[in-house]
Amino acid sequence: AGLYTIGGSFWEFGEPDWDHTKYFLIFGVAEDHGSNPIKIALGKLKQRGAKIVGINPVRTGYNAIADEWLGIKPGTDGLFAGALTHELLRTNQVDLDYLVRYTNAHWLVIQDKAAKDDGLFARDGEGKPLCWDKTTAATARADRIDIAPALVGEFTLPDGRKAVPSFRLLAERFLTNEYAPDAVAAECGIPADTIRRIAAEM
């Protein structure tokens, strides 16, 4: 994922663009892995004035130098990330072009409860993933760059079955009230207003 989305892999941390990052969220990092390279990189961010937000139950190590520390309840990081996703989707602050270029957000997911491949990506005869091209109003290979892929909607595959872009499934899940900041604040220990602000800053 690190190689695909940000061009490098820094062990399990991924590799941010240390030279251009303006806003850095650091979630509960185990500080015995890659400690010195991360310290040097965080120092670069601090020198350039990038904002560092530490999300960890304790404020030690990397979190001690964060510009803002959020003392999250242990085990609720995913819920907090879900609330951020909720807010980014709700406020239309998602870079859709980026998602199409670097993720599988536009790939069609089969919706056929009676089939073994229900919930899997729709593929052509060569096994290549499909998307819905808005220009031709038909399926197309998802790896083509000369198309205008849909990220929402329900479409009919050549075999007559229905499929939806994977982004639609993500949006349907995270736009529910279950992930609204007001619903997760007590569980995470982070106020709803703070969750909304962090999402807006991102």
C-alpha atoms as a PDB file:
ATOM      1  CA  ALA A   1       0.000   0.000   0.000  1.00  0.00           C
ATOM      2  CA  GLY A   2       2.832   2.385   0.823  1.00  0.00           C
ATOM      3  CA  LEU A   3       4.493   1.774  -2.520  1.00  0.00           C
ATOM      4  CA  TYR A   4       1.210   2.157  -4.420  1.00  0.00           C
ATOM      5  CA  THR A   5      -0.106   5.285  -2.750  1.00  0.00           C
ATOM      6  CA  ILE A   6       2.911   7.308  -1.634  1.00  0.00           C
ATOM      7  CA  GLY A   7       5.798   5.860  -3.616  1.00  0.00           C
ATOM      8  CA  GLY A   8       7.729   4.103  -0.883  1.00  0.00           C
ATOM      9  CA  SER A   9       7.614   1.704   2.012  1.00  0.00           C
ATOM     10  CA  PHE A  10       9.139   2.484   5.400  1.00  0.00           C
ATOM     11  CA  TRP A  11       8.598  -0.835   7.112  1.00  0.00           C
ATOM     12  CA  GLU A  12       5.080  -0.879   8.497  1.00  0.00           C
ATOM     13  CA  PHE A  13       4.900   2.918   8.692  1.00  0.00           C
ATOM     14  CA  GLY A  14       4.707   3.619   4.978  1.00  0.00           C
ATOM     15  CA  GLU A  15       6.840   6.507   3.812  1.00  0.00           C
ATOM     16  CA  PRO A  16       5.299   9.968   3.871  1.00  0.00           C
ATOM     17  CA  ASP A  17       6.651  12.637   1.595  1.00  0.00           C
ATOM     18  CA  TRP A  18       8.775  14.143   4.347  1.00  0.00           C
ATOM     19  CA  ASP A  19       9.794  17.086   2.137  1.00  0.00           C
ATOM     20  CA  HIS A  20       6.259  18.234   1.304  1.00  0.00           C
ATOM     21  CA  THR A  21       4.028  17.015   4.142  1.00  0.00           C
ATOM     22  CA  LYS A  22       2.135  19.851   5.826  1.00  0.00           C
ATOM     23  CA  TYR A  23      -0.053  17.841   8.190  1.00  0.00           C
ATOM     24  CA  PHE A  24       1.054  14.590   9.816  1.00  0.00           C
ATOM     25  CA  LEU A  25      -1.104  12.207  11.855  1.00  0.00           C
ATOM     26  CA  ILE A  26       0.901   9.648  13.819  1.00  0.00           C
ATOM     27  CA  PHE A  27      -1.116   6.801  15.328  1.00  0.00           C
ATOM     28  CA  GLY A  28       0.360   4.730  18.217  1.00  0.00           C
ATOM     29  CA  VAL A  29       3.768   3.977  16.695  1.00  0.00           C
ATOM     30  CA  ALA A  30       5.957   1.262  18.225  1.00  0.00           C
ATOM     31  CA  GLU A  31       9.092   3.277  18.859  1.00  0.00           C
ATOM     32  CA  ASP A  32      11.532   0.381  18.699  1.00  0.00           C
ATOM     33  CA  HIS A  33      11.144   0.138  14.896  1.00  0.00           C
ATOM     34  CA  GLY A  34      13.053   2.519  12.638  1.00  0.00           C
ATOM     35  CA  SER A  35      13.463   4.953  15.488  1.00  0.00           C
ATOM     36  CA  ASN A  36      16.326   7.106  14.192  1.00  0.00           C
ATOM     37  CA  PRO A  37      15.011   7.600  10.631  1.00  0.00           C
ATOM     38  CA  ILE A  38      11.619   8.629  12.007  1.00  0.00           C
ATOM     39  CA  LYS A  39      13.216  11.020  14.519  1.00  0.00           C
ATOM     40  CA  ILE A  40      15.202  12.677  11.722  1.00  0.00           C
ATOM     41  CA  ALA A  41      12.118  12.917   9.501  1.00  0.00           C
ATOM     42  CA  LEU A  42       9.929  14.329  12.284  1.00  0.00           C
ATOM     43  CA  GLY A  43      12.653  16.889  12.956  1.00  0.00           C
ATOM     44  CA  LYS A  44      12.417  17.931   9.280  1.00  0.00           C
ATOM     45  CA  LEU A  45       8.666  18.384   9.627  1.00  0.00           C
ATOM     46  CA  LYS A  46       9.060  20.478  12.772  1.00  0.00           C
ATOM     47  CA  GLN A  47      11.685  22.699  11.104  1.00  0.00           C
ATOM     48  CA  ARG A  48       9.364  23.345   8.162  1.00  0.00           C
ATOM     49  CA  GLY A  49       6.401  24.154  10.398  1.00  0.00           C
ATOM     50  CA  ALA A  50       4.268  21.139   9.476  1.00  0.00           C
ATOM     51  CA  LYS A  51       1.645  20.273  12.074  1.00  0.00           C
ATOM     52  CA  ILE A  52       2.108  16.936  13.833  1.00  0.00           C
ATOM     53  CA  VAL A  53      -0.897  15.378  15.556  1.00  0.00           C
ATOM     54  CA  GLY A  54      -0.159  12.430  17.862  1.00  0.00           C
ATOM     55  CA  ILE A  55      -2.973   9.933  18.452  1.00  0.00           C
ATOM     56  CA  ASN A  56      -1.988   7.640  21.305  1.00  0.00           C
ATOM     57  CA  PRO A  57      -3.223   6.762  24.806  1.00  0.00           C
ATOM     58  CA  VAL A  58       0.060   8.022  26.284  1.00  0.00           C
ATOM     59  CA  ARG A  59       2.100  11.089  25.439  1.00  0.00           C
ATOM     60  CA  THR A  60       5.605   9.713  25.268  1.00  0.00           C
ATOM     61  CA  GLY A  61       8.272   9.491  22.595  1.00  0.00           C
ATOM     62  CA  TYR A  62       7.079  10.770  19.232  1.00  0.00           C
ATOM     63  CA  ASN A  63       3.814  11.959  20.731  1.00  0.00           C
ATOM     64  CA  ALA A  64       5.695  14.185  23.179  1.00  0.00           C
ATOM     65  CA  ILE A  65       6.914  16.364  20.305  1.00  0.00           C
ATOM     66  CA  ALA A  66       3.539  16.531  18.562  1.00  0.00           C
ATOM     67  CA  ASP A  67       1.956  19.958  18.153  1.00  0.00           C
ATOM     68  CA  GLU A  68      -1.283  18.374  19.332  1.00  0.00           C
ATOM     69  CA  TRP A  69      -1.777  15.157  21.256  1.00  0.00           C
ATOM     70  CA  LEU A  70      -5.075  13.287  21.333  1.00  0.00           C
ATOM     71  CA  GLY A  71      -5.238  10.868  24.262  1.00  0.00           C
ATOM     72  CA  ILE A  72      -7.385   8.241  22.560  1.00  0.00           C
ATOM     73  CA  LYS A  73      -8.841   5.294  24.472  1.00  0.00           C
ATOM     74  CA  PRO A  74      -6.868   2.114  23.686  1.00  0.00           C
ATOM     75  CA  GLY A  75      -8.234   0.040  20.837  1.00  0.00           C
ATOM     76  CA  THR A  76     -10.422   2.765  19.320  1.00  0.00           C
ATOM     77  CA  ASP A  77      -8.031   4.066  16.641  1.00  0.00           C
ATOM     78  CA  GLY A  78     -10.087   2.470  13.860  1.00  0.00           C
ATOM     79  CA  LEU A  79     -13.283   4.043  15.152  1.00  0.00           C
ATOM     80  CA  PHE A  80     -11.582   7.449  15.252  1.00  0.00           C
ATOM     81  CA  ALA A  81     -10.305   6.964  11.678  1.00  0.00           C
ATOM     82  CA  GLY A  82     -13.855   5.966  10.692  1.00  0.00           C
ATOM     83  CA  ALA A  83     -15.177   9.214  12.175  1.00  0.00           C
ATOM     84  CA  LEU A  84     -12.567  11.200  10.222  1.00  0.00           C
ATOM     85  CA  THR A  85     -13.629   9.356   7.076  1.00  0.00           C
ATOM     86  CA  HIS A  86     -17.272  10.150   7.884  1.00  0.00           C
ATOM     87  CA  GLU A  87     -16.485  13.848   8.148  1.00  0.00           C
ATOM     88  CA  LEU A  88     -14.357  13.966   4.997  1.00  0.00           C
ATOM     89  CA  LEU A  89     -17.129  12.279   3.026  1.00  0.00           C
ATOM     90  CA  ARG A  90     -19.909  14.335   4.615  1.00  0.00           C
ATOM     91  CA  THR A  91     -18.173  17.610   3.791  1.00  0.00           C
ATOM     92  CA  ASN A  92     -17.057  16.557   0.292  1.00  0.00           C
ATOM     93  CA  GLN A  93     -13.387  16.900   1.210  1.00  0.00           C
ATOM     94  CA  VAL A  94     -12.225  13.797  -0.648  1.00  0.00           C
ATOM     95  CA  ASP A  95      -9.821  13.975  -3.590  1.00  0.00           C
ATOM     96  CA  LEU A  96     -11.771  11.783  -6.001  1.00  0.00           C
ATOM     97  CA  ASP A  97      -9.216  12.127  -8.812  1.00  0.00           C
ATOM     98  CA  TYR A  98      -6.541  10.803  -6.452  1.00  0.00           C
ATOM     99  CA  LEU A  99      -8.728   7.839  -5.513  1.00  0.00           C
ATOM    100  CA  VAL A 100      -9.281   6.920  -9.161  1.00  0.00           C
ATOM    101  CA  ARG A 101      -5.592   7.236  -9.978  1.00  0.00           C
ATOM    102  CA  TYR A 102      -4.117   5.408  -6.993  1.00  0.00           C
ATOM    103  CA  THR A 103      -6.779   3.128  -5.481  1.00  0.00           C
ATOM    104  CA  ASN A 104      -9.476   0.653  -6.447  1.00  0.00           C
ATOM    105  CA  ALA A 105     -12.280   3.090  -5.547  1.00  0.00           C
ATOM    106  CA  HIS A 106     -13.766   2.828  -9.051  1.00  0.00           C
ATOM    107  CA  TRP A 107     -13.508  -0.955  -9.405  1.00  0.00           C
ATOM    108  CA  LEU A 108     -16.893  -2.645  -9.640  1.00  0.00           C
ATOM    109  CA  VAL A 109     -17.938  -5.014  -6.854  1.00  0.00           C
ATOM    110  CA  ILE A 110     -20.380  -7.796  -7.759  1.00  0.00           C
ATOM    111  CA  GLN A 111     -23.711  -7.649  -5.943  1.00  0.00           C
ATOM    112  CA  ASP A 112     -25.193 -11.141  -6.366  1.00  0.00           C
ATOM    113  CA  LYS A 113     -26.034 -12.826  -3.063  1.00  0.00           C
ATOM    114  CA  ALA A 114     -26.640 -16.189  -4.768  1.00  0.00           C
ATOM    115  CA  ALA A 115     -23.197 -16.298  -6.411  1.00  0.00           C
ATOM    116  CA  LYS A 116     -19.828 -17.458  -5.059  1.00  0.00           C
ATOM    117  CA  ASP A 117     -18.221 -14.238  -6.307  1.00  0.00           C
ATOM    118  CA  ASP A 118     -20.663 -11.925  -4.519  1.00  0.00           C
ATOM    119  CA  GLY A 119     -18.648  -9.078  -3.001  1.00  0.00           C
ATOM    120  CA  LEU A 120     -15.626  -9.688  -5.229  1.00  0.00           C
ATOM    121  CA  PHE A 121     -14.361  -7.413  -7.983  1.00  0.00           C
ATOM    122  CA  ALA A 122     -15.919  -7.832 -11.420  1.00  0.00           C
ATOM    123  CA  ARG A 123     -13.306  -8.870 -13.982  1.00  0.00           C
ATOM    124  CA  ASP A 124     -13.109  -9.321 -17.722  1.00  0.00           C
ATOM    125  CA  GLY A 125     -12.136 -12.549 -19.508  1.00  0.00           C
ATOM    126  CA  GLU A 126      -8.444 -11.823 -18.897  1.00  0.00           C
ATOM    127  CA  GLY A 127      -9.003 -11.352 -15.164  1.00  0.00           C
ATOM    128  CA  LYS A 128      -8.609  -7.558 -15.313  1.00  0.00           C
ATOM    129  CA  PRO A 129     -10.829  -5.502 -12.969  1.00  0.00           C
ATOM    130  CA  LEU A 130     -13.747  -3.599 -14.445  1.00  0.00           C
ATOM    131  CA  CYS A 131     -15.190  -0.173 -13.777  1.00  0.00           C
ATOM    132  CA  TRP A 132     -18.069   1.815 -15.259  1.00  0.00           C
ATOM    133  CA  ASP A 133     -16.982   4.374 -17.837  1.00  0.00           C
ATOM    134  CA  LYS A 134     -19.334   7.378 -17.683  1.00  0.00           C
ATOM    135  CA  THR A 135     -18.332   8.492 -21.188  1.00  0.00           C
ATOM    136  CA  THR A 136     -19.376   5.288 -22.954  1.00  0.00           C
ATOM    137  CA  ALA A 137     -21.990   4.196 -20.366  1.00  0.00           C
ATOM    138  CA  ALA A 138     -20.447   0.726 -20.364  1.00  0.00           C
ATOM    139  CA  THR A 139     -17.960  -1.366 -18.437  1.00  0.00           C
ATOM    140  CA  ALA A 140     -14.272  -0.815 -19.143  1.00  0.00           C
ATOM    141  CA  ARG A 141     -10.978  -2.086 -17.808  1.00  0.00           C
ATOM    142  CA  ALA A 142     -10.290  -0.212 -14.592  1.00  0.00           C
ATOM    143  CA  ASP A 143      -6.588   0.257 -15.391  1.00  0.00           C
ATOM    144  CA  ARG A 144      -7.227   2.396 -18.464  1.00  0.00           C
ATOM    145  CA  ILE A 145      -6.380   6.091 -18.235  1.00  0.00           C
ATOM    146  CA  ASP A 146      -8.575   7.252 -21.130  1.00  0.00           C
ATOM    147  CA  ILE A 147     -11.876   6.763 -19.286  1.00  0.00           C
ATOM    148  CA  ALA A 148     -14.085   8.647 -16.842  1.00  0.00           C
ATOM    149  CA  PRO A 149     -14.830   6.059 -14.141  1.00  0.00           C
ATOM    150  CA  ALA A 150     -17.904   6.305 -11.956  1.00  0.00           C
ATOM    151  CA  LEU A 151     -17.468   6.217  -8.180  1.00  0.00           C
ATOM    152  CA  VAL A 152     -21.149   5.964  -7.289  1.00  0.00           C
ATOM    153  CA  GLY A 153     -24.179   4.274  -8.779  1.00  0.00           C
ATOM    154  CA  GLU A 154     -25.325   0.766  -9.591  1.00  0.00           C
ATOM    155  CA  PHE A 155     -24.472  -0.742 -12.958  1.00  0.00           C
ATOM    156  CA  THR A 156     -25.278  -3.810 -15.005  1.00  0.00           C
ATOM    157  CA  LEU A 157     -22.401  -6.085 -15.948  1.00  0.00           C
ATOM    158  CA  PRO A 158     -22.249  -7.753 -19.399  1.00  0.00           C
ATOM    159  CA  ASP A 159     -23.617 -10.962 -17.812  1.00  0.00           C
ATOM    160  CA  GLY A 160     -26.670  -9.063 -16.512  1.00  0.00           C
ATOM    161  CA  ARG A 161     -25.699  -8.954 -12.844  1.00  0.00           C
ATOM    162  CA  LYS A 162     -25.498  -5.766 -10.807  1.00  0.00           C
ATOM    163  CA  ALA A 163     -22.277  -4.201  -9.515  1.00  0.00           C
ATOM    164  CA  VAL A 164     -21.308  -1.023  -7.676  1.00  0.00           C
ATOM    165  CA  PRO A 165     -18.003   0.872  -7.382  1.00  0.00           C
ATOM    166  CA  SER A 166     -16.097  -0.016  -4.223  1.00  0.00           C
ATOM    167  CA  PHE A 167     -16.117   3.678  -3.232  1.00  0.00           C
ATOM    168  CA  ARG A 168     -19.899   3.526  -2.981  1.00  0.00           C
ATOM    169  CA  LEU A 169     -19.643   0.675  -0.471  1.00  0.00           C
ATOM    170  CA  LEU A 170     -17.107   2.631   1.574  1.00  0.00           C
ATOM    171  CA  ALA A 171     -19.285   5.753   1.519  1.00  0.00           C
ATOM    172  CA  GLU A 172     -22.403   3.810   2.499  1.00  0.00           C
ATOM    173  CA  ARG A 173     -20.593   2.308   5.465  1.00  0.00           C
ATOM    174  CA  PHE A 174     -18.874   5.410   6.816  1.00  0.00           C
ATOM    175  CA  LEU A 175     -21.637   7.928   6.182  1.00  0.00           C
ATOM    176  CA  THR A 176     -23.890   6.121   8.656  1.00  0.00           C
ATOM    177  CA  ASN A 177     -24.593   7.696  12.037  1.00  0.00           C
ATOM    178  CA  GLU A 178     -22.503   4.928  13.624  1.00  0.00           C
ATOM    179  CA  TYR A 179     -19.358   6.840  12.543  1.00  0.00           C
ATOM    180  CA  ALA A 180     -20.612  10.369  13.181  1.00  0.00           C
ATOM    181  CA  PRO A 181     -18.299  12.267  15.564  1.00  0.00           C
ATOM    182  CA  ASP A 182     -21.089  12.664  18.126  1.00  0.00           C
ATOM    183  CA  ALA A 183     -21.610   8.899  18.131  1.00  0.00           C
ATOM    184  CA  VAL A 184     -17.938   7.920  18.570  1.00  0.00           C
ATOM    185  CA  ALA A 185     -16.676  10.704  20.855  1.00  0.00           C
ATOM    186  CA  ALA A 186     -17.355   8.959  24.166  1.00  0.00           C
ATOM    187  CA  GLU A 187     -16.036   5.628  22.899  1.00  0.00           C
ATOM    188  CA  CYS A 188     -12.766   7.192  21.679  1.00  0.00           C
ATOM    189  CA  GLY A 189     -12.388   9.740  24.432  1.00  0.00           C
ATOM    190  CA  ILE A 190     -11.961  12.510  21.859  1.00  0.00           C
ATOM    191  CA  PRO A 191     -14.597  15.273  21.732  1.00  0.00           C
ATOM    192  CA  ALA A 192     -16.799  15.411  18.631  1.00  0.00           C
ATOM    193  CA  ASP A 193     -15.743  18.999  17.922  1.00  0.00           C
ATOM    194  CA  THR A 194     -12.100  17.911  17.943  1.00  0.00           C
ATOM    195  CA  ILE A 195     -12.829  15.093  15.499  1.00  0.00           C
ATOM    196  CA  ARG A 196     -14.601  17.538  13.171  1.00  0.00           C
ATOM    197  CA  ARG A 197     -11.730  20.026  13.469  1.00  0.00           C
ATOM    198  CA  ILE A 198      -9.040  17.426  12.745  1.00  0.00           C
ATOM    199  CA  ALA A 199     -10.969  16.291   9.650  1.00  0.00           C
ATOM    200  CA  ALA A 200     -11.335  19.897   8.492  1.00  0.00           C
ATOM    201  CA  GLU A 201      -7.615  20.548   9.038  1.00  0.00           C
ATOM    202  CA  MET A 202      -6.754  17.450   7.026  1.00  0.00           C
END
